[in-house]
Amino acid sequence: MNNTEYWKEVNDTAEYIIDYATASVEDETDEDAVEELINDSLLHETIDGHEWIIYTHNHLPILQYSDNAEYMADNIGGTEEALKQGIDNLHQALAFWAFYADVQESISTQLEQLEAA
């Protein structure tokens, strides 16, 4: 993985989540329902099941390229607890929240662009 691949995957994942949420709500034009589905479950579930989070060899590159490598420590906490379960668990948790935050920002940007169009 390199920086370009990372950000392409962030944006592609955000686009997938938006498309899935839009197709899943009853009224595709109901922006509030789309955002609610994304924020209530879809974003978390998608990141949790993403291959970059599942496979440990991707964790450090995520932290290297993410704009949100400190997101977990700054917003979530639990770094001590994750470390108690081993360094791999800590890396996974940090990578999860960094990728989560990057995708979340991309979703916000893409939704703003859709609203403006």
C-alpha atoms as a PDB file:
ATOM      1  CA  MET A   1       0.000   0.000   0.000  1.00  0.00           C
ATOM      2  CA  ASN A   2       1.159   3.515  -0.734  1.00  0.00           C
ATOM      3  CA  ASN A   3      -0.358   6.934  -0.035  1.00  0.00           C
ATOM      4  CA  THR A   4      -2.260   7.071  -3.340  1.00  0.00           C
ATOM      5  CA  GLU A   5      -3.714   3.572  -2.870  1.00  0.00           C
ATOM      6  CA  TYR A   6      -4.722   4.406   0.687  1.00  0.00           C
ATOM      7  CA  TRP A   7      -6.661   7.529  -0.235  1.00  0.00           C
ATOM      8  CA  LYS A   8      -8.260   5.848  -3.251  1.00  0.00           C
ATOM      9  CA  GLU A   9      -9.543   3.097  -0.943  1.00  0.00           C
ATOM     10  CA  VAL A  10     -10.762   5.671   1.598  1.00  0.00           C
ATOM     11  CA  ASN A  11     -12.759   7.474  -1.108  1.00  0.00           C
ATOM     12  CA  ASP A  12     -13.991   4.261  -2.731  1.00  0.00           C
ATOM     13  CA  THR A  13     -15.147   2.922   0.638  1.00  0.00           C
ATOM     14  CA  ALA A  14     -16.960   6.180   1.363  1.00  0.00           C
ATOM     15  CA  GLU A  15     -18.651   6.047  -2.037  1.00  0.00           C
ATOM     16  CA  TYR A  16     -19.690   2.421  -1.448  1.00  0.00           C
ATOM     17  CA  ILE A  17     -21.195   3.306   1.938  1.00  0.00           C
ATOM     18  CA  ILE A  18     -23.134   6.238   0.472  1.00  0.00           C
ATOM     19  CA  ASP A  19     -24.426   4.139  -2.427  1.00  0.00           C
ATOM     20  CA  TYR A  20     -25.427   1.275  -0.126  1.00  0.00           C
ATOM     21  CA  ALA A  21     -27.157   3.587   2.330  1.00  0.00           C
ATOM     22  CA  THR A  22     -28.990   5.409  -0.438  1.00  0.00           C
ATOM     23  CA  ALA A  23     -30.230   2.129  -1.913  1.00  0.00           C
ATOM     24  CA  SER A  24     -31.248   0.837   1.534  1.00  0.00           C
ATOM     25  CA  VAL A  25     -33.523   3.638   2.679  1.00  0.00           C
ATOM     26  CA  GLU A  26     -37.145   3.795   1.612  1.00  0.00           C
ATOM     27  CA  ASP A  27     -36.891   7.293   0.124  1.00  0.00           C
ATOM     28  CA  GLU A  28     -33.531   7.709  -1.636  1.00  0.00           C
ATOM     29  CA  THR A  29     -33.908  11.494  -1.510  1.00  0.00           C
ATOM     30  CA  ASP A  30     -34.230  11.522   2.301  1.00  0.00           C
ATOM     31  CA  GLU A  31     -30.740  12.779   3.145  1.00  0.00           C
ATOM     32  CA  ASP A  32     -31.379  12.549   6.892  1.00  0.00           C
ATOM     33  CA  ALA A  33     -32.308   8.853   6.633  1.00  0.00           C
ATOM     34  CA  VAL A  34     -29.207   8.133   4.558  1.00  0.00           C
ATOM     35  CA  GLU A  35     -26.935   9.903   7.047  1.00  0.00           C
ATOM     36  CA  GLU A  36     -28.657   8.205   9.978  1.00  0.00           C
ATOM     37  CA  LEU A  37     -28.093   4.748   8.501  1.00  0.00           C
ATOM     38  CA  ILE A  38     -24.456   5.568   7.781  1.00  0.00           C
ATOM     39  CA  ASN A  39     -23.767   6.913  11.262  1.00  0.00           C
ATOM     40  CA  ASP A  40     -25.871   4.394  13.208  1.00  0.00           C
ATOM     41  CA  SER A  41     -24.310   1.241  11.836  1.00  0.00           C
ATOM     42  CA  LEU A  42     -23.136   1.114   8.250  1.00  0.00           C
ATOM     43  CA  LEU A  43     -19.864   3.027   8.619  1.00  0.00           C
ATOM     44  CA  HIS A  44     -18.748   1.031  11.658  1.00  0.00           C
ATOM     45  CA  GLU A  45     -19.745  -2.335  10.186  1.00  0.00           C
ATOM     46  CA  THR A  46     -18.065  -1.617   6.859  1.00  0.00           C
ATOM     47  CA  ILE A  47     -14.782  -0.558   8.448  1.00  0.00           C
ATOM     48  CA  ASP A  48     -14.886  -3.474  10.899  1.00  0.00           C
ATOM     49  CA  GLY A  49     -15.226  -5.953   8.023  1.00  0.00           C
ATOM     50  CA  HIS A  50     -12.734  -4.278   5.714  1.00  0.00           C
ATOM     51  CA  GLU A  51      -9.786  -6.471   4.736  1.00  0.00           C
ATOM     52  CA  TRP A  52      -7.324  -3.748   5.740  1.00  0.00           C
ATOM     53  CA  ILE A  53      -8.593  -3.984   9.312  1.00  0.00           C
ATOM     54  CA  ILE A  54      -8.858  -7.767   9.350  1.00  0.00           C
ATOM     55  CA  TYR A  55      -5.295  -8.431   8.133  1.00  0.00           C
ATOM     56  CA  THR A  56      -2.599  -7.144  10.457  1.00  0.00           C
ATOM     57  CA  HIS A  57      -0.026  -6.321   7.773  1.00  0.00           C
ATOM     58  CA  ASN A  58      -2.151  -3.301   6.787  1.00  0.00           C
ATOM     59  CA  HIS A  59      -2.359  -1.664  10.208  1.00  0.00           C
ATOM     60  CA  LEU A  60       0.919   0.230  10.260  1.00  0.00           C
ATOM     61  CA  PRO A  61       0.556   1.526   6.675  1.00  0.00           C
ATOM     62  CA  ILE A  62      -2.910   2.834   7.563  1.00  0.00           C
ATOM     63  CA  LEU A  63      -1.411   4.748  10.463  1.00  0.00           C
ATOM     64  CA  GLN A  64       1.395   5.994   8.217  1.00  0.00           C
ATOM     65  CA  TYR A  65      -0.927   7.468   5.567  1.00  0.00           C
ATOM     66  CA  SER A  66      -3.966   8.459   7.610  1.00  0.00           C
ATOM     67  CA  ASP A  67      -4.687  12.060   8.537  1.00  0.00           C
ATOM     68  CA  ASN A  68      -6.286  10.657  11.695  1.00  0.00           C
ATOM     69  CA  ALA A  69      -3.658   8.346  13.179  1.00  0.00           C
ATOM     70  CA  GLU A  70      -4.285   9.876  16.625  1.00  0.00           C
ATOM     71  CA  TYR A  71      -8.090   9.679  16.370  1.00  0.00           C
ATOM     72  CA  MET A  72      -8.496   6.819  18.849  1.00  0.00           C
ATOM     73  CA  ALA A  73      -6.242   8.373  21.471  1.00  0.00           C
ATOM     74  CA  ASP A  74      -7.847  11.809  21.050  1.00  0.00           C
ATOM     75  CA  ASN A  75     -11.515  10.790  20.785  1.00  0.00           C
ATOM     76  CA  ILE A  76     -12.147   7.218  21.862  1.00  0.00           C
ATOM     77  CA  GLY A  77      -9.622   6.287  24.526  1.00  0.00           C
ATOM     78  CA  GLY A  78      -9.012   2.686  25.441  1.00  0.00           C
ATOM     79  CA  THR A  79      -5.419   2.554  24.241  1.00  0.00           C
ATOM     80  CA  GLU A  80      -4.253   1.111  27.567  1.00  0.00           C
ATOM     81  CA  GLU A  81      -6.925  -1.589  27.460  1.00  0.00           C
ATOM     82  CA  ALA A  82      -6.091  -2.457  23.845  1.00  0.00           C
ATOM     83  CA  LEU A  83      -2.394  -2.673  24.720  1.00  0.00           C
ATOM     84  CA  LYS A  84      -3.162  -5.088  27.564  1.00  0.00           C
ATOM     85  CA  GLN A  85      -4.478  -7.453  24.888  1.00  0.00           C
ATOM     86  CA  GLY A  86      -1.222  -7.205  22.934  1.00  0.00           C
ATOM     87  CA  ILE A  87       0.525  -4.878  20.528  1.00  0.00           C
ATOM     88  CA  ASP A  88      -1.297  -6.365  17.519  1.00  0.00           C
ATOM     89  CA  ASN A  89      -4.638  -5.519  19.134  1.00  0.00           C
ATOM     90  CA  LEU A  90      -3.458  -1.970  19.801  1.00  0.00           C
ATOM     91  CA  HIS A  91      -2.326  -1.551  16.195  1.00  0.00           C
ATOM     92  CA  GLN A  92      -5.643  -2.926  14.953  1.00  0.00           C
ATOM     93  CA  ALA A  93      -7.652  -0.577  17.160  1.00  0.00           C
ATOM     94  CA  LEU A  94      -5.582   2.446  16.129  1.00  0.00           C
ATOM     95  CA  ALA A  95      -5.836   1.502  12.438  1.00  0.00           C
ATOM     96  CA  PHE A  96      -9.577   0.885  12.717  1.00  0.00           C
ATOM     97  CA  TRP A  97     -10.290   4.340  14.151  1.00  0.00           C
ATOM     98  CA  ALA A  98      -7.864   6.111  11.814  1.00  0.00           C
ATOM     99  CA  PHE A  99      -9.441   4.484   8.742  1.00  0.00           C
ATOM    100  CA  TYR A 100     -12.913   5.087  10.206  1.00  0.00           C
ATOM    101  CA  ALA A 101     -12.227   8.807  10.646  1.00  0.00           C
ATOM    102  CA  ASP A 102     -10.724   9.180   7.164  1.00  0.00           C
ATOM    103  CA  VAL A 103     -13.703   7.436   5.547  1.00  0.00           C
ATOM    104  CA  GLN A 104     -16.117   9.466   7.673  1.00  0.00           C
ATOM    105  CA  GLU A 105     -14.505  12.696   6.458  1.00  0.00           C
ATOM    106  CA  SER A 106     -14.678  11.491   2.865  1.00  0.00           C
ATOM    107  CA  ILE A 107     -18.367  10.629   3.293  1.00  0.00           C
ATOM    108  CA  SER A 108     -19.056  14.131   4.602  1.00  0.00           C
ATOM    109  CA  THR A 109     -17.228  15.698   1.669  1.00  0.00           C
ATOM    110  CA  GLN A 110     -18.992  13.499  -0.880  1.00  0.00           C
ATOM    111  CA  LEU A 111     -22.425  14.146   0.659  1.00  0.00           C
ATOM    112  CA  GLU A 112     -21.777  17.905   0.590  1.00  0.00           C
ATOM    113  CA  GLN A 113     -20.827  17.652  -3.090  1.00  0.00           C
ATOM    114  CA  LEU A 114     -23.999  15.669  -3.843  1.00  0.00           C
ATOM    115  CA  GLU A 115     -26.140  18.256  -2.066  1.00  0.00           C
ATOM    116  CA  ALA A 116     -24.485  21.077  -4.002  1.00  0.00           C
ATOM    117  CA  ALA A 117     -25.081  19.363  -7.342  1.00  0.00           C
END
